[in-house]
């Protein structure tokens, strides 16, 4: 599976390679930790009966914003 990013392509074949082999700029995250952090934050805010609208300035990534929305965020702030 390949994802085309401008004139660069990133693929699952990059998993296990040296970080020096990854074309930059590239967002590299621990997906398990990211999803866990999103879940913890959403549960905390929901536990207080409030709505979460995270600011995307931190990650600047629509895929992460979608994870936040799927976890229960009511939107994102730009």
PDB file of N, CA and C in Angstrom:
ATOM      1  N   UNK A   1       0.844  -1.168   0.000  1.00  0.00           N
ATOM      2  CA  UNK A   1       0.000   0.000   0.000  1.00  0.00           C
ATOM      3  C   UNK A   1       0.893   1.236   0.000  1.00  0.00           C
ATOM      4  N   UNK A   2       0.611   2.164  -0.874  1.00  0.00           N
ATOM      5  CA  UNK A   2       1.394   3.393  -0.949  1.00  0.00           C
ATOM      6  C   UNK A   2       0.469   4.586  -0.834  1.00  0.00           C
ATOM      7  N   UNK A   3       0.966   5.620  -0.224  1.00  0.00           N
ATOM      8  CA  UNK A   3       0.232   6.875  -0.142  1.00  0.00           C
ATOM      9  C   UNK A   3       1.084   7.923  -0.834  1.00  0.00           C
ATOM     10  N   UNK A   4       0.515   8.591  -1.806  1.00  0.00           N
ATOM     11  CA  UNK A   4       1.253   9.591  -2.559  1.00  0.00           C
ATOM     12  C   UNK A   4       1.151  10.928  -1.829  1.00  0.00           C
ATOM     13  N   UNK A   5       2.283  11.533  -1.576  1.00  0.00           N
ATOM     14  CA  UNK A   5       2.357  12.817  -0.890  1.00  0.00           C
ATOM     15  C   UNK A   5       3.128  13.768  -1.808  1.00  0.00           C
ATOM     16  N   UNK A   6       2.427  14.539  -2.622  1.00  0.00           N
ATOM     17  CA  UNK A   6       3.111  15.401  -3.573  1.00  0.00           C
ATOM     18  C   UNK A   6       3.866  14.536  -4.555  1.00  0.00           C
ATOM     19  N   UNK A   7       5.163  14.743  -4.651  1.00  0.00           N
ATOM     20  CA  UNK A   7       5.966  13.927  -5.562  1.00  0.00           C
ATOM     21  C   UNK A   7       6.672  12.796  -4.815  1.00  0.00           C
ATOM     22  N   UNK A   8       6.293  12.553  -3.559  1.00  0.00           N
ATOM     23  CA  UNK A   8       6.885  11.482  -2.752  1.00  0.00           C
ATOM     24  C   UNK A   8       5.843  10.432  -2.448  1.00  0.00           C
ATOM     25  N   UNK A   9       6.277   9.211  -2.285  1.00  0.00           N
ATOM     26  CA  UNK A   9       5.345   8.175  -1.868  1.00  0.00           C
ATOM     27  C   UNK A   9       5.877   7.514  -0.604  1.00  0.00           C
ATOM     28  N   UNK A  10       4.988   7.296   0.348  1.00  0.00           N
ATOM     29  CA  UNK A  10       5.328   6.597   1.580  1.00  0.00           C
ATOM     30  C   UNK A  10       4.586   5.279   1.556  1.00  0.00           C
ATOM     31  N   UNK A  11       5.235   4.219   1.981  1.00  0.00           N
ATOM     32  CA  UNK A  11       4.567   2.930   1.950  1.00  0.00           C
ATOM     33  C   UNK A  11       4.810   2.168   3.233  1.00  0.00           C
ATOM     34  N   UNK A  12       3.999   1.148   3.427  1.00  0.00           N
ATOM     35  CA  UNK A  12       4.169   0.290   4.590  1.00  0.00           C
ATOM     36  C   UNK A  12       5.508  -0.421   4.557  1.00  0.00           C
ATOM     37  N   UNK A  13       6.146  -0.468   3.402  1.00  0.00           N
ATOM     38  CA  UNK A  13       7.457  -1.096   3.279  1.00  0.00           C
ATOM     39  C   UNK A  13       8.520  -0.348   4.078  1.00  0.00           C
ATOM     40  N   UNK A  14       8.241   0.888   4.477  1.00  0.00           N
ATOM     41  CA  UNK A  14       9.200   1.685   5.258  1.00  0.00           C
ATOM     42  C   UNK A  14       9.266   1.231   6.708  1.00  0.00           C
ATOM     43  N   UNK A  15       8.275   0.485   7.169  1.00  0.00           N
ATOM     44  CA  UNK A  15       8.273   0.019   8.557  1.00  0.00           C
ATOM     45  C   UNK A  15       9.496  -0.847   8.792  1.00  0.00           C
ATOM     46  N   UNK A  16      10.227  -0.550   9.852  1.00  0.00           N
ATOM     47  CA  UNK A  16      11.412  -1.315  10.204  1.00  0.00           C
ATOM     48  C   UNK A  16      12.702  -0.745   9.643  1.00  0.00           C
ATOM     49  N   UNK A  17      12.605   0.219   8.734  1.00  0.00           N
ATOM     50  CA  UNK A  17      13.802   0.842   8.179  1.00  0.00           C
ATOM     51  C   UNK A  17      14.306   1.915   9.132  1.00  0.00           C
ATOM     52  N   UNK A  18      15.512   2.347   8.914  1.00  0.00           N
ATOM     53  CA  UNK A  18      16.105   3.417   9.705  1.00  0.00           C
ATOM     54  C   UNK A  18      15.318   4.704   9.510  1.00  0.00           C
ATOM     55  N   UNK A  19      15.242   5.483  10.565  1.00  0.00           N
ATOM     56  CA  UNK A  19      14.557   6.774  10.476  1.00  0.00           C
ATOM     57  C   UNK A  19      15.249   7.664   9.441  1.00  0.00           C
ATOM     58  N   UNK A  20      16.520   7.433   9.185  1.00  0.00           N
ATOM     59  CA  UNK A  20      17.251   8.205   8.178  1.00  0.00           C
ATOM     60  C   UNK A  20      16.794   7.903   6.759  1.00  0.00           C
ATOM     61  N   UNK A  21      16.090   6.803   6.546  1.00  0.00           N
ATOM     62  CA  UNK A  21      15.603   6.428   5.219  1.00  0.00           C
ATOM     63  C   UNK A  21      14.234   7.029   4.899  1.00  0.00           C
ATOM     64  N   UNK A  22      13.596   7.634   5.871  1.00  0.00           N
ATOM     65  CA  UNK A  22      12.255   8.181   5.669  1.00  0.00           C
ATOM     66  C   UNK A  22      12.361   9.551   5.018  1.00  0.00           C
ATOM     67  N   UNK A  23      11.655   9.762   3.888  1.00  0.00           N
ATOM     68  CA  UNK A  23      11.703  11.073   3.241  1.00  0.00           C
ATOM     69  C   UNK A  23      11.060  12.118   4.154  1.00  0.00           C
ATOM     70  N   UNK A  24      11.648  13.280   4.205  1.00  0.00           N
ATOM     71  CA  UNK A  24      11.132  14.346   5.060  1.00  0.00           C
ATOM     72  C   UNK A  24      10.511  15.437   4.214  1.00  0.00           C
ATOM     73  N   UNK A  25       9.587  16.205   4.751  1.00  0.00           N
ATOM     74  CA  UNK A  25       9.054  16.101   6.110  1.00  0.00           C
ATOM     75  C   UNK A  25       8.114  14.909   6.242  1.00  0.00           C
ATOM     76  N   UNK A  26       8.110  14.302   7.412  1.00  0.00           N
ATOM     77  CA  UNK A  26       7.248  13.156   7.672  1.00  0.00           C
ATOM     78  C   UNK A  26       6.779  13.206   9.113  1.00  0.00           C
ATOM     79  N   UNK A  27       5.525  12.913   9.328  1.00  0.00           N
ATOM     80  CA  UNK A  27       4.972  12.815  10.665  1.00  0.00           C
ATOM     81  C   UNK A  27       5.114  11.369  11.123  1.00  0.00           C
ATOM     82  N   UNK A  28       5.824  11.166  12.223  1.00  0.00           N
ATOM     83  CA  UNK A  28       6.033   9.827  12.758  1.00  0.00           C
ATOM     84  C   UNK A  28       5.430   9.805  14.153  1.00  0.00           C
ATOM     85  N   UNK A  29       4.466   8.910  14.362  1.00  0.00           N
ATOM     86  CA  UNK A  29       3.804   8.835  15.667  1.00  0.00           C
ATOM     87  C   UNK A  29       3.701   7.388  16.129  1.00  0.00           C
ATOM     88  N   UNK A  30       3.624   7.244  17.431  1.00  0.00           N
ATOM     89  CA  UNK A  30       3.303   5.949  18.027  1.00  0.00           C
ATOM     90  C   UNK A  30       1.772   5.897  18.026  1.00  0.00           C
ATOM     91  N   UNK A  31       1.203   5.171  17.073  1.00  0.00           N
ATOM     92  CA  UNK A  31      -0.240   5.173  16.874  1.00  0.00           C
ATOM     93  C   UNK A  31      -0.999   4.687  18.097  1.00  0.00           C
ATOM     94  N   UNK A  32      -0.466   3.697  18.798  1.00  0.00           N
ATOM     95  CA  UNK A  32      -1.138   3.194  19.996  1.00  0.00           C
ATOM     96  C   UNK A  32      -1.184   4.263  21.078  1.00  0.00           C
ATOM     97  N   UNK A  33      -0.073   4.964  21.294  1.00  0.00           N
ATOM     98  CA  UNK A  33      -0.030   6.030  22.297  1.00  0.00           C
ATOM     99  C   UNK A  33      -0.939   7.181  21.891  1.00  0.00           C
ATOM    100  N   UNK A  34      -0.943   7.539  20.616  1.00  0.00           N
ATOM    101  CA  UNK A  34      -1.791   8.626  20.129  1.00  0.00           C
ATOM    102  C   UNK A  34      -3.265   8.321  20.382  1.00  0.00           C
ATOM    103  N   UNK A  35      -3.697   7.138  19.969  1.00  0.00           N
ATOM    104  CA  UNK A  35      -5.105   6.768  20.163  1.00  0.00           C
ATOM    105  C   UNK A  35      -5.468   6.706  21.639  1.00  0.00           C
ATOM    106  N   UNK A  36      -4.546   6.202  22.466  1.00  0.00           N
ATOM    107  CA  UNK A  36      -4.794   6.138  23.906  1.00  0.00           C
ATOM    108  C   UNK A  36      -4.929   7.545  24.485  1.00  0.00           C
ATOM    109  N   UNK A  37      -4.050   8.464  24.097  1.00  0.00           N
ATOM    110  CA  UNK A  37      -4.121   9.842  24.589  1.00  0.00           C
ATOM    111  C   UNK A  37      -5.404  10.529  24.160  1.00  0.00           C
ATOM    112  N   UNK A  38      -5.820  10.300  22.926  1.00  0.00           N
ATOM    113  CA  UNK A  38      -7.069  10.891  22.444  1.00  0.00           C
ATOM    114  C   UNK A  38      -8.242  10.353  23.249  1.00  0.00           C
ATOM    115  N   UNK A  39      -8.258   9.043  23.497  1.00  0.00           N
ATOM    116  CA  UNK A  39      -9.339   8.427  24.274  1.00  0.00           C
ATOM    117  C   UNK A  39      -9.370   8.957  25.699  1.00  0.00           C
ATOM    118  N   UNK A  40      -8.207   9.034  26.339  1.00  0.00           N
ATOM    119  CA  UNK A  40      -8.143   9.528  27.730  1.00  0.00           C
ATOM    120  C   UNK A  40      -8.664  10.961  27.806  1.00  0.00           C
ATOM    121  N   UNK A  41      -8.236  11.818  26.894  1.00  0.00           N
ATOM    122  CA  UNK A  41      -8.683  13.215  26.907  1.00  0.00           C
ATOM    123  C   UNK A  41     -10.185  13.313  26.684  1.00  0.00           C
ATOM    124  N   UNK A  42     -10.695  12.549  25.714  1.00  0.00           N
ATOM    125  CA  UNK A  42     -12.127  12.594  25.431  1.00  0.00           C
ATOM    126  C   UNK A  42     -12.938  12.111  26.631  1.00  0.00           C
ATOM    127  N   UNK A  43     -12.504  11.018  27.262  1.00  0.00           N
ATOM    128  CA  UNK A  43     -13.216  10.499  28.433  1.00  0.00           C
ATOM    129  C   UNK A  43     -13.173  11.484  29.588  1.00  0.00           C
ATOM    130  N   UNK A  44     -12.054  12.152  29.782  1.00  0.00           N
ATOM    131  CA  UNK A  44     -11.932  13.144  30.853  1.00  0.00           C
ATOM    132  C   UNK A  44     -12.912  14.294  30.650  1.00  0.00           C
ATOM    133  N   UNK A  45     -12.921  14.853  29.454  1.00  0.00           N
ATOM    134  CA  UNK A  45     -13.804  15.981  29.157  1.00  0.00           C
ATOM    135  C   UNK A  45     -15.264  15.545  29.208  1.00  0.00           C
ATOM    136  N   UNK A  46     -15.580  14.411  28.618  1.00  0.00           N
ATOM    137  CA  UNK A  46     -16.959  13.910  28.628  1.00  0.00           C
ATOM    138  C   UNK A  46     -17.428  13.620  30.048  1.00  0.00           C
ATOM    139  N   UNK A  47     -16.513  13.177  30.909  1.00  0.00           N
ATOM    140  CA  UNK A  47     -16.846  12.898  32.301  1.00  0.00           C
ATOM    141  C   UNK A  47     -17.322  14.124  33.054  1.00  0.00           C
ATOM    142  N   UNK A  48     -16.904  15.298  32.590  1.00  0.00           N
ATOM    143  CA  UNK A  48     -17.356  16.561  33.186  1.00  0.00           C
ATOM    144  C   UNK A  48     -18.580  17.127  32.464  1.00  0.00           C
ATOM    145  N   UNK A  49     -19.099  16.362  31.502  1.00  0.00           N
ATOM    146  CA  UNK A  49     -20.278  16.814  30.764  1.00  0.00           C
ATOM    147  C   UNK A  49     -19.990  17.941  29.798  1.00  0.00           C
ATOM    148  N   UNK A  50     -18.750  18.050  29.365  1.00  0.00           N
ATOM    149  CA  UNK A  50     -18.352  19.123  28.447  1.00  0.00           C
ATOM    150  C   UNK A  50     -18.046  18.555  27.074  1.00  0.00           C
ATOM    151  N   UNK A  51     -18.023  19.441  26.090  1.00  0.00           N
ATOM    152  CA  UNK A  51     -17.688  19.057  24.722  1.00  0.00           C
ATOM    153  C   UNK A  51     -16.235  19.412  24.449  1.00  0.00           C
ATOM    154  N   UNK A  52     -15.562  18.585  23.700  1.00  0.00           N
ATOM    155  CA  UNK A  52     -14.161  18.812  23.358  1.00  0.00           C
ATOM    156  C   UNK A  52     -14.059  19.288  21.917  1.00  0.00           C
ATOM    157  N   UNK A  53     -13.365  20.401  21.746  1.00  0.00           N
ATOM    158  CA  UNK A  53     -13.064  20.933  20.409  1.00  0.00           C
ATOM    159  C   UNK A  53     -11.568  21.240  20.391  1.00  0.00           C
ATOM    160  N   UNK A  54     -10.733  20.214  20.117  1.00  0.00           N
ATOM    161  CA  UNK A  54      -9.279  20.388  20.187  1.00  0.00           C
ATOM    162  C   UNK A  54      -8.739  21.340  19.122  1.00  0.00           C
ATOM    163  N   UNK A  55      -7.642  21.980  19.442  1.00  0.00           N
ATOM    164  CA  UNK A  55      -6.975  22.887  18.512  1.00  0.00           C
ATOM    165  C   UNK A  55      -6.004  22.084  17.656  1.00  0.00           C
ATOM    166  N   UNK A  56      -6.063  22.258  16.357  1.00  0.00           N
ATOM    167  CA  UNK A  56      -5.220  21.477  15.455  1.00  0.00           C
ATOM    168  C   UNK A  56      -3.864  22.115  15.191  1.00  0.00           C
ATOM    169  N   UNK A  57      -3.583  23.236  15.839  1.00  0.00           N
ATOM    170  CA  UNK A  57      -2.288  23.884  15.651  1.00  0.00           C
ATOM    171  C   UNK A  57      -1.143  22.982  16.099  1.00  0.00           C
ATOM    172  N   UNK A  58      -1.425  22.135  17.085  1.00  0.00           N
ATOM    173  CA  UNK A  58      -0.385  21.255  17.615  1.00  0.00           C
ATOM    174  C   UNK A  58       0.067  20.229  16.583  1.00  0.00           C
ATOM    175  N   UNK A  59      -0.877  19.518  15.972  1.00  0.00           N
ATOM    176  CA  UNK A  59      -0.489  18.437  15.067  1.00  0.00           C
ATOM    177  C   UNK A  59      -0.585  18.791  13.594  1.00  0.00           C
ATOM    178  N   UNK A  60      -1.414  19.741  13.232  1.00  0.00           N
ATOM    179  CA  UNK A  60      -1.555  20.183  11.841  1.00  0.00           C
ATOM    180  C   UNK A  60      -1.756  19.013  10.884  1.00  0.00           C
ATOM    181  N   UNK A  61      -2.609  18.068  11.281  1.00  0.00           N
ATOM    182  CA  UNK A  61      -2.777  16.851  10.502  1.00  0.00           C
ATOM    183  C   UNK A  61      -4.255  16.449  10.486  1.00  0.00           C
ATOM    184  N   UNK A  62      -4.838  16.400   9.297  1.00  0.00           N
ATOM    185  CA  UNK A  62      -6.257  16.065   9.194  1.00  0.00           C
ATOM    186  C   UNK A  62      -6.547  14.641   9.664  1.00  0.00           C
ATOM    187  N   UNK A  63      -5.599  13.728   9.493  1.00  0.00           N
ATOM    188  CA  UNK A  63      -5.815  12.346   9.948  1.00  0.00           C
ATOM    189  C   UNK A  63      -5.933  12.295  11.465  1.00  0.00           C
ATOM    190  N   UNK A  64      -5.119  13.067  12.175  1.00  0.00           N
ATOM    191  CA  UNK A  64      -5.209  13.115  13.633  1.00  0.00           C
ATOM    192  C   UNK A  64      -6.511  13.796  14.045  1.00  0.00           C
ATOM    193  N   UNK A  65      -6.890  14.858  13.350  1.00  0.00           N
ATOM    194  CA  UNK A  65      -8.154  15.536  13.639  1.00  0.00           C
ATOM    195  C   UNK A  65      -9.327  14.571  13.463  1.00  0.00           C
ATOM    196  N   UNK A  66      -9.284  13.740  12.436  1.00  0.00           N
ATOM    197  CA  UNK A  66     -10.341  12.748  12.224  1.00  0.00           C
ATOM    198  C   UNK A  66     -10.394  11.739  13.365  1.00  0.00           C
ATOM    199  N   UNK A  67      -9.226  11.321  13.869  1.00  0.00           N
ATOM    200  CA  UNK A  67      -9.209  10.418  15.028  1.00  0.00           C
ATOM    201  C   UNK A  67      -9.869  11.083  16.225  1.00  0.00           C
ATOM    202  N   UNK A  68      -9.592  12.366  16.434  1.00  0.00           N
ATOM    203  CA  UNK A  68     -10.185  13.094  17.550  1.00  0.00           C
ATOM    204  C   UNK A  68     -11.703  13.204  17.380  1.00  0.00           C
ATOM    205  N   UNK A  69     -12.144  13.488  16.179  1.00  0.00           N
ATOM    206  CA  UNK A  69     -13.588  13.600  15.921  1.00  0.00           C
ATOM    207  C   UNK A  69     -14.264  12.245  16.089  1.00  0.00           C
ATOM    208  N   UNK A  70     -13.639  11.175  15.612  1.00  0.00           N
ATOM    209  CA  UNK A  70     -14.206   9.840  15.761  1.00  0.00           C
ATOM    210  C   UNK A  70     -14.290   9.407  17.222  1.00  0.00           C
ATOM    211  N   UNK A  71     -13.417   9.971  18.058  1.00  0.00           N
ATOM    212  CA  UNK A  71     -13.433   9.648  19.483  1.00  0.00           C
ATOM    213  C   UNK A  71     -14.501  10.425  20.233  1.00  0.00           C
ATOM    214  N   UNK A  72     -15.089  11.441  19.573  1.00  0.00           N
ATOM    215  CA  UNK A  72     -16.165  12.176  20.216  1.00  0.00           C
ATOM    216  C   UNK A  72     -16.026  13.684  20.234  1.00  0.00           C
ATOM    217  N   UNK A  73     -14.938  14.214  19.725  1.00  0.00           N
ATOM    218  CA  UNK A  73     -14.790  15.666  19.675  1.00  0.00           C
ATOM    219  C   UNK A  73     -15.904  16.238  18.805  1.00  0.00           C
ATOM    220  N   UNK A  74     -16.409  17.424  19.190  1.00  0.00           N
ATOM    221  CA  UNK A  74     -17.529  18.025  18.457  1.00  0.00           C
ATOM    222  C   UNK A  74     -17.061  18.817  17.247  1.00  0.00           C
ATOM    223  N   UNK A  75     -15.772  18.917  17.080  1.00  0.00           N
ATOM    224  CA  UNK A  75     -15.182  19.668  15.972  1.00  0.00           C
ATOM    225  C   UNK A  75     -13.737  19.930  16.312  1.00  0.00           C
ATOM    226  N   UNK A  76     -13.092  20.762  15.499  1.00  0.00           N
ATOM    227  CA  UNK A  76     -11.727  21.168  15.783  1.00  0.00           C
ATOM    228  C   UNK A  76     -11.630  22.683  15.637  1.00  0.00           C
ATOM    229  N   UNK A  77     -10.666  23.247  16.308  1.00  0.00           N
ATOM    230  CA  UNK A  77     -10.413  24.683  16.239  1.00  0.00           C
ATOM    231  C   UNK A  77      -9.140  24.891  15.442  1.00  0.00           C
ATOM    232  N   UNK A  78      -9.192  25.867  14.531  1.00  0.00           N
ATOM    233  CA  UNK A  78      -8.020  26.169  13.708  1.00  0.00           C
ATOM    234  C   UNK A  78      -7.475  27.535  14.059  1.00  0.00           C
TER     235      UNK A  78
END
